[in-house]
C-alpha cells in the first residue's frame, strides 16, 4: 500500500495549456461561409484568443455541417485605431448552451503574424483595462 500526501495549496502552480491567453470579451463579428453553404450573418464572441474564438449562435443556426469559415471582426485599440481582421477559421465544435442557444468554437487557420500581434495587443489592452477597473482577468 502506498500513501500520497497532497502538497500545500500555496505550492500549486497554474499551468496555461493553451498557446495563447483567452479573454472573455464580447465583439461584434460577421461569419461568412467558405463555399456559400449559408448566408453570412452577424454574431457576438463569448471569448477570444490569438488562436481562436468562441462565438454565440442563436437557436436554429444551421452551421454544424460547415468545416471552415471566415470570421470578420473590427478591433478598436486604446489609441482609437481600428483594425479589421478577416480570419480563415476551422470549426472545432458546436456546443449547446442555455435556452437552445449554441456556442461555436473556432480555431484560426494560418493567421498572419500581423493578425496574431494585433489580437495579442488587443487582449493585453483589455486585460490592463479590466485590472485598472479592479475586475478579475
N, C-alpha and C. Protein backbone atom coordinates (compact mmCIF):
# COMPACT_ATOMS: atom_id res chain seq x y z
N UNK A 1 0.84 -1.16 0.00
CA UNK A 1 0.00 0.00 0.00
C UNK A 1 0.90 1.23 0.00
N UNK A 2 0.44 2.25 -0.75
CA UNK A 2 1.21 3.48 -0.84
C UNK A 2 0.31 4.65 -0.46
N UNK A 3 0.86 5.55 0.33
CA UNK A 3 0.10 6.72 0.74
C UNK A 3 0.74 7.95 0.10
N UNK A 4 -0.08 8.78 -0.52
CA UNK A 4 0.39 10.01 -1.15
C UNK A 4 -0.07 11.21 -0.34
N UNK A 5 0.83 12.16 -0.21
CA UNK A 5 0.48 13.38 0.51
C UNK A 5 0.24 14.50 -0.49
N UNK A 6 -0.81 15.26 -0.26
CA UNK A 6 -1.13 16.39 -1.11
C UNK A 6 -0.34 17.60 -0.65
N UNK A 7 0.38 18.27 -1.57
CA UNK A 7 1.14 19.46 -1.16
C UNK A 7 0.21 20.58 -0.69
N UNK A 8 0.78 21.56 -0.05
CA UNK A 8 0.01 22.71 0.42
C UNK A 8 -0.56 23.46 -0.77
N UNK A 9 -1.78 23.98 -0.68
CA UNK A 9 -2.40 24.71 -1.81
C UNK A 9 -1.56 25.90 -2.31
N UNK A 10 -0.77 26.52 -1.45
CA UNK A 10 0.05 27.66 -1.85
C UNK A 10 1.16 27.24 -2.82
N UNK A 11 1.50 25.96 -2.85
CA UNK A 11 2.59 25.50 -3.70
C UNK A 11 2.12 25.10 -5.10
N UNK A 12 0.80 25.09 -5.32
CA UNK A 12 0.28 24.72 -6.63
C UNK A 12 0.64 25.80 -7.64
N UNK A 13 0.97 25.37 -8.84
CA UNK A 13 1.32 26.28 -9.92
C UNK A 13 0.28 26.10 -11.04
N UNK A 14 -0.35 27.20 -11.45
CA UNK A 14 -1.32 27.13 -12.53
C UNK A 14 -0.57 27.07 -13.85
N UNK A 15 -0.94 26.11 -14.68
CA UNK A 15 -0.27 25.92 -15.97
C UNK A 15 -1.25 26.28 -17.08
N UNK A 16 -0.83 27.16 -17.95
CA UNK A 16 -1.63 27.55 -19.11
C UNK A 16 -1.43 26.50 -20.19
N UNK A 17 -2.48 25.74 -20.50
CA UNK A 17 -2.35 24.69 -21.52
C UNK A 17 -2.50 25.24 -22.92
N UNK A 18 -3.18 26.35 -23.04
CA UNK A 18 -3.38 26.94 -24.36
C UNK A 18 -2.12 27.66 -24.81
N UNK A 19 -2.01 27.79 -26.12
CA UNK A 19 -0.86 28.50 -26.67
C UNK A 19 -0.98 30.00 -26.42
N UNK A 20 -2.22 30.53 -26.45
CA UNK A 20 -2.46 31.95 -26.27
C UNK A 20 -3.45 32.18 -25.13
N UNK A 21 -3.33 33.32 -24.49
CA UNK A 21 -4.24 33.68 -23.41
C UNK A 21 -5.63 33.95 -23.99
N UNK A 22 -6.64 33.44 -23.32
CA UNK A 22 -8.02 33.61 -23.77
C UNK A 22 -8.69 34.65 -22.86
N UNK A 23 -9.47 35.55 -23.47
CA UNK A 23 -10.12 36.62 -22.73
C UNK A 23 -11.61 36.62 -23.01
N UNK A 24 -12.42 36.67 -21.94
CA UNK A 24 -13.86 36.80 -22.11
C UNK A 24 -14.16 38.22 -22.56
N UNK A 25 -14.57 38.37 -23.81
CA UNK A 25 -14.89 39.69 -24.35
C UNK A 25 -15.95 39.53 -25.44
N UNK A 26 -16.88 40.48 -25.46
CA UNK A 26 -17.94 40.46 -26.46
C UNK A 26 -17.56 41.38 -27.61
N UNK A 27 -17.40 40.79 -28.80
CA UNK A 27 -17.08 41.54 -30.00
C UNK A 27 -18.10 41.21 -31.08
N UNK A 28 -18.48 42.22 -31.84
CA UNK A 28 -19.36 42.01 -32.98
C UNK A 28 -18.54 41.36 -34.09
N UNK A 29 -19.03 40.26 -34.63
CA UNK A 29 -18.32 39.56 -35.70
C UNK A 29 -19.29 39.25 -36.84
N UNK A 30 -18.74 39.03 -38.00
CA UNK A 30 -19.52 38.56 -39.14
C UNK A 30 -18.96 37.21 -39.54
N UNK A 31 -19.85 36.27 -39.77
CA UNK A 31 -19.45 34.92 -40.13
C UNK A 31 -19.85 34.66 -41.58
N UNK A 32 -18.85 34.34 -42.39
CA UNK A 32 -19.06 34.06 -43.80
C UNK A 32 -18.61 32.64 -44.10
N UNK A 33 -19.43 31.86 -44.81
CA UNK A 33 -19.03 30.50 -45.15
C UNK A 33 -17.93 30.52 -46.21
N UNK A 34 -17.14 29.48 -46.23
CA UNK A 34 -16.07 29.40 -47.23
C UNK A 34 -16.64 29.14 -48.62
N UNK A 35 -17.71 28.32 -48.71
CA UNK A 35 -18.25 27.93 -50.01
C UNK A 35 -19.75 28.19 -50.13
N UNK A 36 -20.25 29.28 -49.58
CA UNK A 36 -21.67 29.68 -49.68
C UNK A 36 -22.65 28.62 -49.17
N UNK A 37 -22.28 27.91 -48.10
CA UNK A 37 -23.18 26.90 -47.54
C UNK A 37 -24.37 27.54 -46.81
N UNK A 38 -24.23 28.78 -46.39
CA UNK A 38 -25.29 29.50 -45.70
C UNK A 38 -25.07 30.99 -45.95
N UNK A 39 -26.11 31.82 -45.75
CA UNK A 39 -25.90 33.26 -45.92
C UNK A 39 -25.07 33.81 -44.77
N UNK A 40 -24.19 34.78 -45.01
CA UNK A 40 -23.40 35.37 -43.92
C UNK A 40 -24.32 35.97 -42.86
N UNK A 41 -23.85 35.98 -41.62
CA UNK A 41 -24.64 36.57 -40.53
C UNK A 41 -23.72 37.15 -39.47
N UNK A 42 -24.30 37.97 -38.61
CA UNK A 42 -23.55 38.60 -37.52
C UNK A 42 -23.77 37.81 -36.23
N UNK A 43 -22.76 37.85 -35.36
CA UNK A 43 -22.84 37.17 -34.07
C UNK A 43 -21.91 37.90 -33.09
N UNK A 44 -21.93 37.46 -31.84
CA UNK A 44 -21.08 38.04 -30.80
C UNK A 44 -20.14 36.97 -30.25
N UNK A 45 -18.93 37.38 -29.95
CA UNK A 45 -17.98 36.43 -29.36
C UNK A 45 -18.29 36.25 -27.88
N UNK A 46 -17.96 35.08 -27.38
CA UNK A 46 -18.02 34.79 -25.96
C UNK A 46 -16.63 35.03 -25.36
N UNK A 47 -15.63 34.55 -26.07
CA UNK A 47 -14.23 34.79 -25.69
C UNK A 47 -13.37 34.71 -26.94
N UNK A 48 -12.12 35.19 -26.81
CA UNK A 48 -11.23 35.23 -27.96
C UNK A 48 -9.79 35.09 -27.50
N UNK A 49 -8.96 34.54 -28.37
CA UNK A 49 -7.52 34.50 -28.15
C UNK A 49 -6.87 34.72 -29.51
N UNK A 50 -5.56 34.74 -29.54
CA UNK A 50 -4.87 34.90 -30.82
C UNK A 50 -4.92 33.63 -31.65
N UNK A 51 -5.45 32.55 -31.08
CA UNK A 51 -5.52 31.28 -31.79
C UNK A 51 -6.92 30.82 -32.15
N UNK A 52 -7.95 31.47 -31.58
CA UNK A 52 -9.31 31.05 -31.86
C UNK A 52 -10.32 31.86 -31.08
N UNK A 53 -11.58 31.46 -31.20
CA UNK A 53 -12.65 32.19 -30.52
C UNK A 53 -13.84 31.27 -30.27
N UNK A 54 -14.68 31.69 -29.34
CA UNK A 54 -15.97 31.06 -29.11
C UNK A 54 -17.03 32.11 -29.43
N UNK A 55 -18.01 31.71 -30.23
CA UNK A 55 -18.99 32.66 -30.75
C UNK A 55 -20.39 32.18 -30.39
N UNK A 56 -21.20 33.11 -29.87
CA UNK A 56 -22.58 32.79 -29.51
C UNK A 56 -23.44 32.73 -30.78
N UNK A 57 -24.18 31.63 -30.92
CA UNK A 57 -25.09 31.47 -32.04
C UNK A 57 -26.52 31.39 -31.51
N UNK A 58 -27.44 31.95 -32.25
CA UNK A 58 -28.84 31.88 -31.85
C UNK A 58 -29.42 30.51 -32.16
N UNK A 59 -30.47 30.17 -31.46
CA UNK A 59 -31.16 28.91 -31.64
C UNK A 59 -31.54 28.73 -33.11
N UNK A 60 -31.27 27.56 -33.65
CA UNK A 60 -31.66 27.26 -35.02
C UNK A 60 -30.64 27.63 -36.08
N UNK A 61 -29.49 28.15 -35.68
CA UNK A 61 -28.46 28.49 -36.66
C UNK A 61 -27.87 27.20 -37.21
N UNK A 62 -27.97 27.00 -38.51
CA UNK A 62 -27.50 25.76 -39.15
C UNK A 62 -26.06 25.95 -39.62
N UNK A 63 -25.12 25.55 -38.77
CA UNK A 63 -23.71 25.73 -39.13
C UNK A 63 -22.90 24.46 -38.87
N UNK A 64 -23.54 23.43 -38.30
CA UNK A 64 -22.82 22.22 -37.90
C UNK A 64 -22.12 21.52 -39.05
N UNK A 65 -22.67 21.59 -40.25
CA UNK A 65 -22.10 20.84 -41.36
C UNK A 65 -20.91 21.54 -42.01
N UNK A 66 -20.60 22.75 -41.58
CA UNK A 66 -19.52 23.54 -42.17
C UNK A 66 -18.22 23.23 -41.43
N UNK A 67 -17.14 23.06 -42.18
CA UNK A 67 -15.86 22.77 -41.52
C UNK A 67 -14.96 24.01 -41.46
N UNK A 68 -15.09 24.92 -42.45
CA UNK A 68 -14.27 26.13 -42.45
C UNK A 68 -15.14 27.33 -42.80
N UNK A 69 -14.75 28.47 -42.24
CA UNK A 69 -15.48 29.71 -42.50
C UNK A 69 -14.53 30.88 -42.33
N UNK A 70 -15.02 32.06 -42.64
CA UNK A 70 -14.25 33.29 -42.44
C UNK A 70 -14.92 34.11 -41.35
N UNK A 71 -14.12 34.54 -40.41
CA UNK A 71 -14.59 35.35 -39.30
C UNK A 71 -14.07 36.77 -39.51
N UNK A 72 -14.97 37.73 -39.61
CA UNK A 72 -14.60 39.13 -39.80
C UNK A 72 -14.86 39.86 -38.49
N UNK A 73 -13.93 40.70 -38.07
CA UNK A 73 -14.14 41.48 -36.85
C UNK A 73 -13.34 42.77 -36.90
N UNK A 74 -13.80 43.75 -36.15
CA UNK A 74 -13.11 45.03 -36.03
C UNK A 74 -12.66 45.17 -34.58
N UNK A 75 -11.36 45.37 -34.39
CA UNK A 75 -10.80 45.54 -33.05
C UNK A 75 -10.45 47.01 -32.84
N UNK A 76 -11.06 47.63 -31.85
CA UNK A 76 -10.77 49.02 -31.53
C UNK A 76 -9.73 49.06 -30.44
N UNK A 77 -8.58 49.65 -30.76
CA UNK A 77 -7.48 49.72 -29.80
C UNK A 77 -7.66 50.93 -28.88
N UNK A 78 -6.89 50.93 -27.82
CA UNK A 78 -6.96 52.02 -26.85
C UNK A 78 -6.61 53.37 -27.50
N UNK A 79 -5.74 53.35 -28.49
CA UNK A 79 -5.32 54.57 -29.18
C UNK A 79 -6.42 55.13 -30.09
N UNK A 80 -7.49 54.33 -30.31
CA UNK A 80 -8.57 54.76 -31.17
C UNK A 80 -8.50 54.16 -32.56
N UNK A 81 -7.34 53.58 -32.91
CA UNK A 81 -7.23 52.97 -34.23
C UNK A 81 -8.06 51.69 -34.28
N UNK A 82 -8.58 51.41 -35.45
CA UNK A 82 -9.43 50.23 -35.65
C UNK A 82 -8.73 49.29 -36.64
N UNK A 83 -8.62 48.04 -36.24
CA UNK A 83 -8.02 47.01 -37.09
C UNK A 83 -9.12 46.06 -37.54
N UNK A 84 -9.22 45.87 -38.86
CA UNK A 84 -10.21 44.97 -39.43
C UNK A 84 -9.52 43.66 -39.78
N UNK A 85 -10.03 42.57 -39.21
CA UNK A 85 -9.42 41.26 -39.42
C UNK A 85 -10.38 40.34 -40.18
N UNK A 86 -9.83 39.59 -41.09
CA UNK A 86 -10.56 38.52 -41.80
C UNK A 86 -9.76 37.25 -41.56
N UNK A 87 -10.30 36.39 -40.71
CA UNK A 87 -9.57 35.21 -40.26
C UNK A 87 -10.23 33.93 -40.76
N UNK A 88 -9.49 33.19 -41.58
CA UNK A 88 -9.98 31.88 -42.00
C UNK A 88 -9.96 30.99 -40.77
N UNK A 89 -11.06 30.31 -40.53
CA UNK A 89 -11.21 29.55 -39.28
C UNK A 89 -11.75 28.16 -39.53
N UNK A 90 -11.32 27.25 -38.68
CA UNK A 90 -11.80 25.86 -38.74
C UNK A 90 -12.78 25.67 -37.58
N UNK A 91 -13.92 25.09 -37.87
CA UNK A 91 -14.90 24.80 -36.82
C UNK A 91 -14.39 23.61 -36.01
N UNK A 92 -14.21 23.83 -34.73
CA UNK A 92 -13.75 22.76 -33.83
C UNK A 92 -14.95 21.96 -33.32
N UNK A 93 -15.94 22.68 -32.80
CA UNK A 93 -17.16 22.03 -32.32
C UNK A 93 -18.25 23.08 -32.10
N UNK A 94 -19.47 22.60 -31.98
CA UNK A 94 -20.61 23.44 -31.63
C UNK A 94 -21.23 22.82 -30.39
N UNK A 95 -21.33 23.61 -29.32
CA UNK A 95 -21.91 23.10 -28.08
C UNK A 95 -23.20 23.84 -27.79
N UNK A 96 -24.10 23.17 -27.10
CA UNK A 96 -25.39 23.78 -26.77
C UNK A 96 -25.28 24.50 -25.44
N UNK A 97 -25.89 25.70 -25.40
CA UNK A 97 -25.93 26.49 -24.17
C UNK A 97 -27.38 26.54 -23.68
N UNK A 98 -27.64 27.42 -22.73
CA UNK A 98 -28.98 27.55 -22.18
C UNK A 98 -29.96 28.07 -23.23
N UNK A 99 -31.22 27.72 -23.07
CA UNK A 99 -32.32 28.18 -23.92
C UNK A 99 -32.15 27.78 -25.39
N UNK A 100 -31.42 26.72 -25.68
CA UNK A 100 -31.26 26.26 -27.05
C UNK A 100 -30.23 27.03 -27.86
N UNK A 101 -29.64 28.07 -27.26
CA UNK A 101 -28.57 28.79 -27.96
C UNK A 101 -27.34 27.91 -28.04
N UNK A 102 -26.43 28.25 -28.96
CA UNK A 102 -25.26 27.41 -29.15
C UNK A 102 -23.98 28.24 -29.09
N UNK A 103 -22.88 27.56 -28.90
CA UNK A 103 -21.57 28.19 -28.87
C UNK A 103 -20.71 27.52 -29.93
N UNK A 104 -20.22 28.33 -30.87
CA UNK A 104 -19.37 27.86 -31.95
C UNK A 104 -17.92 28.09 -31.56
N UNK A 105 -17.12 27.03 -31.54
CA UNK A 105 -15.71 27.12 -31.19
C UNK A 105 -14.90 27.00 -32.47
N UNK A 106 -14.06 28.02 -32.76
CA UNK A 106 -13.26 28.01 -33.99
C UNK A 106 -11.79 28.19 -33.66
N UNK A 107 -10.97 27.64 -34.54
CA UNK A 107 -9.51 27.78 -34.48
C UNK A 107 -9.09 28.54 -35.72
N UNK A 108 -8.28 29.60 -35.54
CA UNK A 108 -7.84 30.39 -36.68
C UNK A 108 -6.79 29.61 -37.46
N UNK A 109 -7.00 29.49 -38.77
CA UNK A 109 -6.08 28.76 -39.63
C UNK A 109 -5.06 29.71 -40.25
N UNK A 110 -3.82 29.47 -39.98
CA UNK A 110 -2.71 30.23 -40.55
C UNK A 110 -2.91 31.74 -40.51
N UNK A 111 -3.18 32.30 -39.31
CA UNK A 111 -3.29 33.76 -39.25
C UNK A 111 -1.92 34.38 -39.52
N UNK A 112 -1.92 35.57 -40.10
CA UNK A 112 -0.64 36.23 -40.37
C UNK A 112 -0.01 36.66 -39.05
N UNK A 113 1.28 36.89 -39.06
CA UNK A 113 1.97 37.36 -37.85
C UNK A 113 1.37 38.68 -37.39
N UNK A 114 0.98 39.51 -38.35
CA UNK A 114 0.38 40.80 -38.03
C UNK A 114 -0.98 40.61 -37.33
N UNK A 115 -1.78 39.65 -37.81
CA UNK A 115 -3.07 39.37 -37.18
C UNK A 115 -2.88 38.87 -35.75
N UNK A 116 -1.93 37.98 -35.55
CA UNK A 116 -1.65 37.45 -34.21
C UNK A 116 -1.20 38.59 -33.29
N UNK A 117 -0.30 39.41 -33.78
CA UNK A 117 0.21 40.54 -33.00
C UNK A 117 -0.93 41.50 -32.63
N UNK A 118 -1.81 41.79 -33.59
CA UNK A 118 -2.94 42.68 -33.34
C UNK A 118 -3.87 42.10 -32.29
N UNK A 119 -4.19 40.81 -32.41
CA UNK A 119 -5.06 40.16 -31.42
C UNK A 119 -4.42 40.15 -30.04
N UNK A 120 -3.13 39.85 -29.96
CA UNK A 120 -2.45 39.82 -28.66
C UNK A 120 -2.41 41.21 -28.03
N UNK A 121 -2.19 42.23 -28.85
CA UNK A 121 -2.17 43.60 -28.34
C UNK A 121 -3.56 44.00 -27.84
N UNK A 122 -4.59 43.66 -28.59
CA UNK A 122 -5.96 43.96 -28.19
C UNK A 122 -6.29 43.30 -26.86
N UNK A 123 -5.97 42.01 -26.72
CA UNK A 123 -6.25 41.27 -25.50
C UNK A 123 -5.47 41.86 -24.32
N UNK A 124 -4.21 42.19 -24.54
CA UNK A 124 -3.40 42.79 -23.48
C UNK A 124 -4.01 44.11 -23.01
N UNK A 125 -4.41 44.97 -23.96
CA UNK A 125 -5.00 46.26 -23.59
C UNK A 125 -6.29 46.06 -22.81
N UNK A 126 -7.10 45.10 -23.20
CA UNK A 126 -8.35 44.81 -22.48
C UNK A 126 -8.06 44.29 -21.07
N UNK A 127 -7.03 43.45 -20.93
CA UNK A 127 -6.67 42.94 -19.62
C UNK A 127 -6.22 44.08 -18.70
N UNK A 128 -5.43 45.00 -19.23
CA UNK A 128 -4.97 46.15 -18.45
C UNK A 128 -6.17 46.98 -18.00
N UNK A 129 -7.12 47.22 -18.91
CA UNK A 129 -8.32 47.99 -18.55
C UNK A 129 -9.11 47.30 -17.45
N UNK A 130 -9.29 45.98 -17.56
CA UNK A 130 -10.03 45.24 -16.55
C UNK A 130 -9.31 45.28 -15.20
N UNK A 131 -8.00 45.20 -15.23
CA UNK A 131 -7.22 45.24 -14.00
C UNK A 131 -7.36 46.62 -13.32
N UNK A 132 -7.33 47.69 -14.15
CA UNK A 132 -7.50 49.04 -13.61
C UNK A 132 -8.87 49.23 -12.98
N UNK A 133 -9.88 48.57 -13.54
CA UNK A 133 -11.24 48.67 -13.01
C UNK A 133 -11.43 47.76 -11.80
N UNK A 134 -10.42 46.96 -11.49
CA UNK A 134 -10.49 46.07 -10.34
C UNK A 134 -11.24 44.78 -10.62
N UNK A 135 -11.42 44.46 -11.89
CA UNK A 135 -12.11 43.22 -12.25
C UNK A 135 -11.09 42.12 -12.47
N UNK A 136 -11.52 40.91 -12.17
CA UNK A 136 -10.62 39.75 -12.34
C UNK A 136 -10.45 39.44 -13.81
N UNK A 137 -9.23 39.16 -14.23
CA UNK A 137 -8.94 38.84 -15.63
C UNK A 137 -8.84 37.36 -15.80
